[in-house]
Amino acid sequence: MKKRRKSAPDGGGNWMDTYGDMVTLLLTFFVMLYAMSSLNQQKWEVFVKSIYPDVKDQEQIAINEHPNEGTYDVSGTMQINTELPENVDINKLYLTLAQRLEEYGVSGATVSRGENYTFIQFQDQAFFDGESSVLTAEAKNVLDIFCDTIAPEADQIGQIQVMGHTSQGDPNRPNNPRTDRMLSSLRSAEVSAYIQEKNIIDPGKLVGVSYGQFRPVATFETREGRAENRRVEILLIDADSDTTKSLNDYYEEVYNGANADKTIVTGGDGFTAVESSPENVASLLPESSASAEQPQTVSEQQPPAGEAPE
C-alpha cells in the first residue's frame, strides 16, 4: 500500500498575497503621481475633501487671521484685495486722465487743472452722430475710461457739471431755439445718465447744463470752427472749493488761458490760449444772433423757425 504524500503547510502561499498587495500599492502610487501632474483645481478640491472633510473650516480660520492681506479659497488661490487707495491727490487727476485718454487713442480732448477744479472738453463727433443725442460706442468707451479714472477721487469731488453745446448751422441765421436747446440738453443728459449708471458718485452731485449755441469757442463762419463749437464739457469741482464761484468764472479762467501751464490736449501739440479761445466770445457771434446772456430775438426778415442746430 502506497504512502500518502504529506501536503504542504497551509501558510506556504501567503507570500503571493503580500506580493499582490505591494504591486497594487505601487500601481496606486504611480496613478496618483500621474493624476497630480495634470490635476485641475476642481479635482484637487474633491481629492482633498475626501481625505480631510474639515479642511475648509480649518483654512477659513487661518485666513481670517490676516484679513488685510487678501482672501483665499479652498485651493489656496489668493484673491487680491481690489479696494481703491484712499487720499489720492486730486490735483494729479488731470494728468492721469489725460494719460489714459492718450493711451486709448482719444484725440482732441482737452484736460486742464485749475484752482480746486478739473475741466475736460470732448469734441462731439466722438460722442454723437450728426444731430443725434444718442451716445456712440466710442463715446461709451471714452466715458468708461473717464469713470474708472475719477472713481478713486469720487469722495473729493463736490460736483460734476456736464455741459452740452451746439453750433450755429448758418452763420447768418440763429438756430431754432427749441431744437437748439433740446439737442444740447439731451446730449448733456445722456452723458450725465451714463456716468450715473456707473455708480461711482452720488447722483446728487451730477448736474446737466444746456448752452445750445451760446458758448462758442470758435467762429461760426468755417466748418472747422463749427466743429470746435460742437462739444461736451465736464467740470469736476473739488469738494472743498469756493461755492460762491459761478460757472462763468470757471469759463473765463479756462478759455482765457489761466490754466495753460496745467492743460493737456490729447493727440495734439499742447494748449494755446489764443487759438483755443476767442478774445471776446460775443464778437464771434453773427449780428443776427443773440448773446449768451440775453434772450434770442428773431428779425422780421427771418422765419420764426430758424435753422436746425449742428
Protein backbone atom coordinates (compact mmCIF):
# COMPACT_ATOMS: atom_id res chain seq x y z
CA MET A 1 0.00 0.00 0.00
CA LYS A 2 1.42 3.37 -1.09
CA LYS A 3 2.08 6.04 1.44
CA ARG A 4 0.27 9.34 1.01
CA ARG A 5 2.37 12.40 0.34
CA LYS A 6 2.32 14.96 3.03
CA SER A 7 0.51 18.15 1.96
CA ALA A 8 2.35 21.48 2.08
CA PRO A 9 1.80 23.63 5.10
CA ASP A 10 -1.22 25.94 4.92
CA GLY A 11 0.89 29.14 5.13
CA GLY A 12 3.16 28.40 2.20
CA GLY A 13 1.21 30.61 -0.27
CA ASN A 14 0.94 33.76 1.88
CA TRP A 15 3.83 35.44 0.07
CA MET A 16 1.64 35.78 -3.02
CA ASP A 17 -0.91 37.81 -1.07
CA THR A 18 1.82 40.13 0.19
CA TYR A 19 3.30 40.49 -3.29
CA GLY A 20 -0.10 41.28 -4.77
CA ASP A 21 -0.77 43.94 -2.13
CA MET A 22 2.62 45.56 -2.80
CA VAL A 23 2.06 45.66 -6.56
CA THR A 24 -1.39 47.14 -6.04
CA LEU A 25 0.00 49.85 -3.76
CA LEU A 26 2.78 50.68 -6.21
CA LEU A 27 0.28 50.91 -9.05
CA THR A 28 -1.94 53.18 -6.96
CA PHE A 29 1.06 55.34 -6.06
CA PHE A 30 2.08 55.86 -9.70
CA VAL A 31 -1.52 56.54 -10.72
CA MET A 32 -1.68 59.25 -8.06
CA LEU A 33 1.59 60.76 -9.27
CA TYR A 34 0.28 60.88 -12.81
CA ALA A 35 -3.05 62.32 -11.74
CA MET A 36 -1.39 65.03 -9.61
CA SER A 37 0.81 66.09 -12.51
CA SER A 38 -2.28 67.07 -14.53
CA LEU A 39 -4.72 67.79 -11.71
CA ASN A 40 -7.04 70.75 -12.08
CA GLN A 41 -8.43 72.84 -9.27
CA GLN A 42 -11.82 71.13 -9.08
CA LYS A 43 -10.36 67.61 -8.92
CA TRP A 44 -7.87 68.68 -6.30
CA GLU A 45 -10.64 70.07 -4.09
CA VAL A 46 -12.58 66.80 -4.37
CA PHE A 47 -9.47 64.81 -3.52
CA VAL A 48 -8.57 66.95 -0.50
CA LYS A 49 -12.12 66.94 0.84
CA SER A 50 -12.31 63.16 0.51
CA ILE A 51 -9.28 62.80 2.77
CA TYR A 52 -9.80 65.78 5.07
CA PRO A 53 -13.51 66.64 5.23
CA ASP A 54 -12.88 69.53 7.67
CA VAL A 55 -10.14 71.22 5.64
CA LYS A 56 -12.39 74.09 4.57
CA ASP A 57 -13.18 75.18 8.11
CA GLN A 58 -9.53 74.91 9.14
CA GLU A 59 -8.29 77.08 6.29
CA GLN A 60 -11.03 79.63 6.86
CA ILE A 61 -9.76 80.13 10.42
CA ALA A 62 -6.23 80.69 9.14
CA ILE A 63 -7.47 83.15 6.50
CA ASN A 64 -9.34 85.30 8.97
CA GLU A 65 -6.17 85.81 10.99
CA HIS A 66 -4.84 88.07 8.19
CA PRO A 67 -7.88 89.95 6.80
CA ASN A 68 -5.82 92.76 5.25
CA GLU A 69 -3.53 90.55 3.21
CA GLY A 70 -6.21 89.26 0.84
CA THR A 71 -8.53 86.25 0.91
CA TYR A 72 -8.07 82.65 -0.12
CA ASP A 73 -10.33 79.93 -1.43
CA VAL A 74 -10.05 76.21 -0.59
CA SER A 75 -7.49 75.61 -3.33
CA GLY A 76 -5.16 78.15 -1.77
CA THR A 77 -5.54 80.71 -4.59
CA MET A 78 -5.21 84.26 -3.33
CA GLN A 79 -7.96 86.73 -4.16
CA ILE A 80 -6.32 90.17 -4.38
CA ASN A 81 -7.96 92.98 -2.45
CA THR A 82 -9.09 95.42 -5.14
CA GLU A 83 -10.16 98.28 -2.88
CA LEU A 84 -9.04 101.60 -4.28
CA PRO A 85 -6.43 103.58 -2.32
CA GLU A 86 -7.59 106.41 -0.12
CA ASN A 87 -6.43 110.02 -0.02
CA VAL A 88 -5.46 110.20 -3.68
CA ASP A 89 -4.13 113.61 -4.69
CA ILE A 90 -6.91 115.09 -6.78
CA ASN A 91 -4.51 117.72 -8.13
CA LYS A 92 -2.92 114.97 -10.25
CA LEU A 93 -6.23 113.73 -11.60
CA TYR A 94 -5.92 115.68 -14.85
CA LEU A 95 -2.54 114.07 -15.57
CA THR A 96 -3.86 110.56 -15.02
CA LEU A 97 -6.99 111.21 -17.07
CA ALA A 98 -5.04 112.72 -19.97
CA GLN A 99 -2.66 109.77 -19.96
CA ARG A 100 -5.49 107.24 -20.00
CA LEU A 101 -7.24 109.03 -22.86
CA GLU A 102 -3.98 109.28 -24.79
CA GLU A 103 -3.32 105.56 -24.34
CA TYR A 104 -6.79 104.76 -25.65
CA GLY A 105 -6.21 106.94 -28.70
CA VAL A 106 -8.65 109.76 -27.96
CA SER A 107 -7.57 112.78 -29.99
CA GLY A 108 -8.52 116.39 -29.37
CA ALA A 109 -9.63 116.00 -25.75
CA THR A 110 -8.53 118.90 -23.54
CA VAL A 111 -7.87 118.27 -19.86
CA SER A 112 -6.85 121.12 -17.55
CA ARG A 113 -6.42 121.70 -13.85
CA GLY A 114 -7.44 124.95 -12.21
CA GLU A 115 -7.70 126.07 -8.63
CA ASN A 116 -9.97 123.48 -6.99
CA TYR A 117 -11.39 122.11 -10.25
CA THR A 118 -10.64 119.94 -13.28
CA PHE A 119 -12.02 120.79 -16.72
CA ILE A 120 -12.41 118.33 -19.60
CA GLN A 121 -13.55 119.08 -23.14
CA PHE A 122 -14.54 116.48 -25.75
CA GLN A 123 -15.37 117.18 -29.37
CA ASP A 124 -18.89 115.97 -30.10
CA GLN A 125 -18.05 113.95 -33.22
CA ALA A 126 -16.51 111.37 -30.89
CA PHE A 127 -19.72 111.24 -28.85
CA PHE A 128 -22.67 111.71 -31.21
CA ASP A 129 -23.53 111.07 -34.86
CA GLY A 130 -24.81 114.11 -36.74
CA GLU A 131 -27.68 115.78 -34.92
CA SER A 132 -28.25 112.74 -32.72
CA SER A 133 -28.20 112.76 -28.93
CA VAL A 134 -27.52 109.01 -28.65
CA LEU A 135 -24.06 108.14 -27.38
CA THR A 136 -21.87 106.25 -29.83
CA ALA A 137 -19.96 103.12 -28.88
CA GLU A 138 -16.78 105.20 -28.96
CA ALA A 139 -18.31 107.70 -26.56
CA LYS A 140 -19.20 104.95 -24.11
CA ASN A 141 -15.64 103.64 -24.20
CA VAL A 142 -14.29 107.12 -23.51
CA LEU A 143 -16.74 107.63 -20.66
CA ASP A 144 -15.76 104.25 -19.23
CA ILE A 145 -12.17 105.46 -19.07
CA PHE A 146 -13.33 108.73 -17.53
CA CYS A 147 -15.40 106.98 -14.85
CA ASP A 148 -12.70 104.46 -13.99
CA THR A 149 -10.17 107.26 -13.61
CA ILE A 150 -12.20 109.56 -11.37
CA ALA A 151 -13.68 106.77 -9.22
CA PRO A 152 -10.84 106.84 -6.64
CA GLU A 153 -11.37 110.60 -6.22
CA ALA A 154 -15.17 110.46 -6.01
CA ASP A 155 -15.22 111.49 -2.34
CA GLN A 156 -13.07 114.51 -3.15
CA ILE A 157 -15.38 115.72 -5.92
CA GLY A 158 -18.14 118.06 -4.80
CA GLN A 159 -19.96 118.35 -8.12
CA ILE A 160 -19.81 117.17 -11.73
CA GLN A 161 -21.28 119.55 -14.29
CA VAL A 162 -21.83 118.23 -17.81
CA MET A 163 -22.27 120.98 -20.41
CA GLY A 164 -23.74 120.30 -23.85
CA HIS A 165 -23.06 122.68 -26.77
CA THR A 166 -24.23 123.01 -30.35
CA SER A 167 -23.07 125.21 -33.21
CA GLN A 168 -24.98 127.68 -35.35
CA GLY A 169 -25.58 125.90 -38.65
CA ASP A 170 -25.96 129.05 -40.74
CA PRO A 171 -23.57 131.89 -39.81
CA ASN A 172 -26.22 134.44 -40.80
CA ARG A 173 -29.19 132.83 -39.12
CA PRO A 174 -29.67 131.70 -35.50
CA ASN A 175 -30.72 128.17 -34.71
CA ASN A 176 -34.28 127.27 -33.87
CA PRO A 177 -34.41 127.99 -30.11
CA ARG A 178 -36.40 124.89 -29.23
CA THR A 179 -34.39 122.35 -31.21
CA ASP A 180 -31.12 124.05 -30.30
CA ARG A 181 -31.76 123.90 -26.57
CA MET A 182 -33.29 120.44 -26.72
CA LEU A 183 -30.36 118.93 -28.60
CA SER A 184 -27.71 120.31 -26.25
CA SER A 185 -29.86 119.41 -23.24
CA LEU A 186 -30.35 115.82 -24.39
CA ARG A 187 -26.65 115.43 -25.06
CA SER A 188 -25.64 116.62 -21.60
CA ALA A 189 -28.38 114.44 -20.09
CA GLU A 190 -27.14 111.37 -21.97
CA VAL A 191 -23.61 111.85 -20.66
CA SER A 192 -24.85 112.55 -17.12
CA ALA A 193 -27.07 109.47 -17.14
CA TYR A 194 -24.26 107.25 -18.37
CA ILE A 195 -21.98 108.46 -15.58
CA GLN A 196 -24.76 107.93 -13.04
CA GLU A 197 -25.28 104.34 -14.22
CA LYS A 198 -21.66 103.58 -13.32
CA ASN A 199 -22.45 104.24 -9.64
CA ILE A 200 -19.14 105.94 -9.00
CA ILE A 201 -20.51 109.10 -7.42
CA ASP A 202 -23.56 110.41 -5.59
CA PRO A 203 -26.20 111.22 -8.27
CA GLY A 204 -26.95 114.43 -6.40
CA LYS A 205 -23.53 115.70 -7.47
CA LEU A 206 -24.34 115.34 -11.18
CA VAL A 207 -25.65 118.43 -12.99
CA GLY A 208 -26.59 118.66 -16.67
CA VAL A 209 -26.29 122.08 -18.33
CA SER A 210 -27.61 123.08 -21.77
CA TYR A 211 -25.93 126.03 -23.50
CA GLY A 212 -27.06 125.50 -27.06
CA GLN A 213 -25.09 127.67 -29.49
CA PHE A 214 -24.36 130.43 -27.00
CA ARG A 215 -20.95 129.40 -25.67
CA PRO A 216 -18.84 129.26 -28.83
CA VAL A 217 -15.08 128.81 -28.63
CA ALA A 218 -14.53 129.45 -32.35
CA THR A 219 -16.17 131.18 -35.30
CA PHE A 220 -19.38 130.01 -36.95
CA GLU A 221 -18.03 131.03 -40.37
CA THR A 222 -15.95 127.91 -41.07
CA ARG A 223 -16.60 124.19 -40.90
CA GLU A 224 -13.61 123.76 -38.59
CA GLY A 225 -14.88 126.48 -36.26
CA ARG A 226 -18.34 124.96 -36.07
CA ALA A 227 -16.79 121.58 -35.29
CA GLU A 228 -14.94 123.12 -32.33
CA ASN A 229 -18.14 124.67 -31.04
CA ARG A 230 -19.98 121.33 -31.04
CA ARG A 231 -18.61 119.79 -27.89
CA VAL A 232 -19.26 118.24 -24.50
CA GLU A 233 -17.53 119.67 -21.44
CA ILE A 234 -17.23 118.20 -17.95
CA LEU A 235 -16.36 120.32 -14.94
CA LEU A 236 -15.21 118.50 -11.79
CA ILE A 237 -15.43 120.84 -8.81
CA ASP A 238 -13.47 119.85 -5.71
CA ALA A 239 -15.45 119.16 -2.56
CA ASP A 240 -13.59 121.88 -0.63
CA SER A 241 -13.84 124.55 -3.35
CA ASP A 242 -15.35 128.01 -3.07
CA THR A 243 -19.10 127.55 -3.55
CA THR A 244 -19.58 131.22 -4.48
CA LYS A 245 -17.70 130.78 -7.74
CA SER A 246 -20.00 130.91 -10.76
CA LEU A 247 -19.81 128.81 -13.90
CA ASN A 248 -18.89 131.95 -15.82
CA ASP A 249 -15.83 132.33 -13.58
CA TYR A 250 -14.67 128.83 -14.48
CA TYR A 251 -15.20 129.51 -18.18
CA GLU A 252 -13.27 132.76 -18.02
CA GLU A 253 -10.29 131.04 -16.43
CA VAL A 254 -10.29 128.07 -18.79
CA TYR A 255 -10.75 129.93 -22.07
CA ASN A 256 -8.55 132.88 -21.20
CA GLY A 257 -5.59 130.56 -20.66
CA ALA A 258 -5.31 130.92 -16.89
CA ASN A 259 -4.57 127.19 -16.66
CA ALA A 260 -2.29 126.98 -19.70
CA ASP A 261 0.58 125.53 -17.67
CA LYS A 262 -1.66 122.69 -16.47
CA THR A 263 -3.51 121.89 -19.68
CA ILE A 264 -3.03 118.85 -21.90
CA VAL A 265 -4.53 118.21 -25.34
CA THR A 266 -4.50 114.54 -26.24
CA GLY A 267 -3.08 113.75 -29.63
CA GLY A 268 -2.09 117.40 -30.14
CA ASP A 269 0.84 119.74 -29.64
CA GLY A 270 -0.44 121.30 -26.43
CA PHE A 271 -2.70 124.10 -25.39
CA THR A 272 -2.55 127.58 -26.88
CA ALA A 273 -4.86 130.02 -25.18
CA VAL A 274 -5.13 132.44 -28.12
CA GLU A 275 -6.02 129.73 -30.65
CA SER A 276 -8.28 127.76 -28.33
CA SER A 277 -10.39 130.63 -27.08
CA PRO A 278 -11.80 133.82 -28.57
CA GLU A 279 -10.66 137.11 -27.07
CA ASN A 280 -14.29 138.08 -26.88
CA VAL A 281 -16.91 135.38 -27.30
CA ALA A 282 -19.62 137.86 -28.22
CA SER A 283 -17.54 139.21 -31.12
CA LEU A 284 -17.70 135.84 -32.86
CA LEU A 285 -21.48 135.72 -32.87
CA PRO A 286 -23.19 136.96 -36.05
CA GLU A 287 -25.06 140.20 -35.65
CA SER A 288 -28.39 138.44 -36.13
CA SER A 289 -27.82 136.06 -33.22
CA ALA A 290 -28.28 136.85 -29.58
CA SER A 291 -25.64 136.89 -26.89
CA ALA A 292 -25.29 134.14 -24.32
CA GLU A 293 -26.71 136.34 -21.58
CA GLN A 294 -29.89 137.64 -23.28
CA PRO A 295 -32.99 136.03 -24.80
CA GLN A 296 -32.79 135.39 -28.52
CA THR A 297 -34.73 137.66 -30.87
CA VAL A 298 -35.61 136.90 -34.47
CA SER A 299 -35.67 139.67 -37.05
CA GLU A 300 -38.74 140.27 -39.21
CA GLN A 301 -36.93 139.10 -42.36
CA GLN A 302 -36.26 135.66 -40.85
CA PRO A 303 -38.86 132.93 -40.37
CA PRO A 304 -39.54 132.15 -36.71
CA ALA A 305 -38.41 128.56 -37.03
CA GLY A 306 -34.73 129.33 -37.53
CA GLU A 307 -32.03 126.92 -38.64
CA ALA A 308 -31.53 123.45 -37.24
CA PRO A 309 -28.56 123.21 -34.87
CA GLU A 310 -25.49 121.19 -35.70
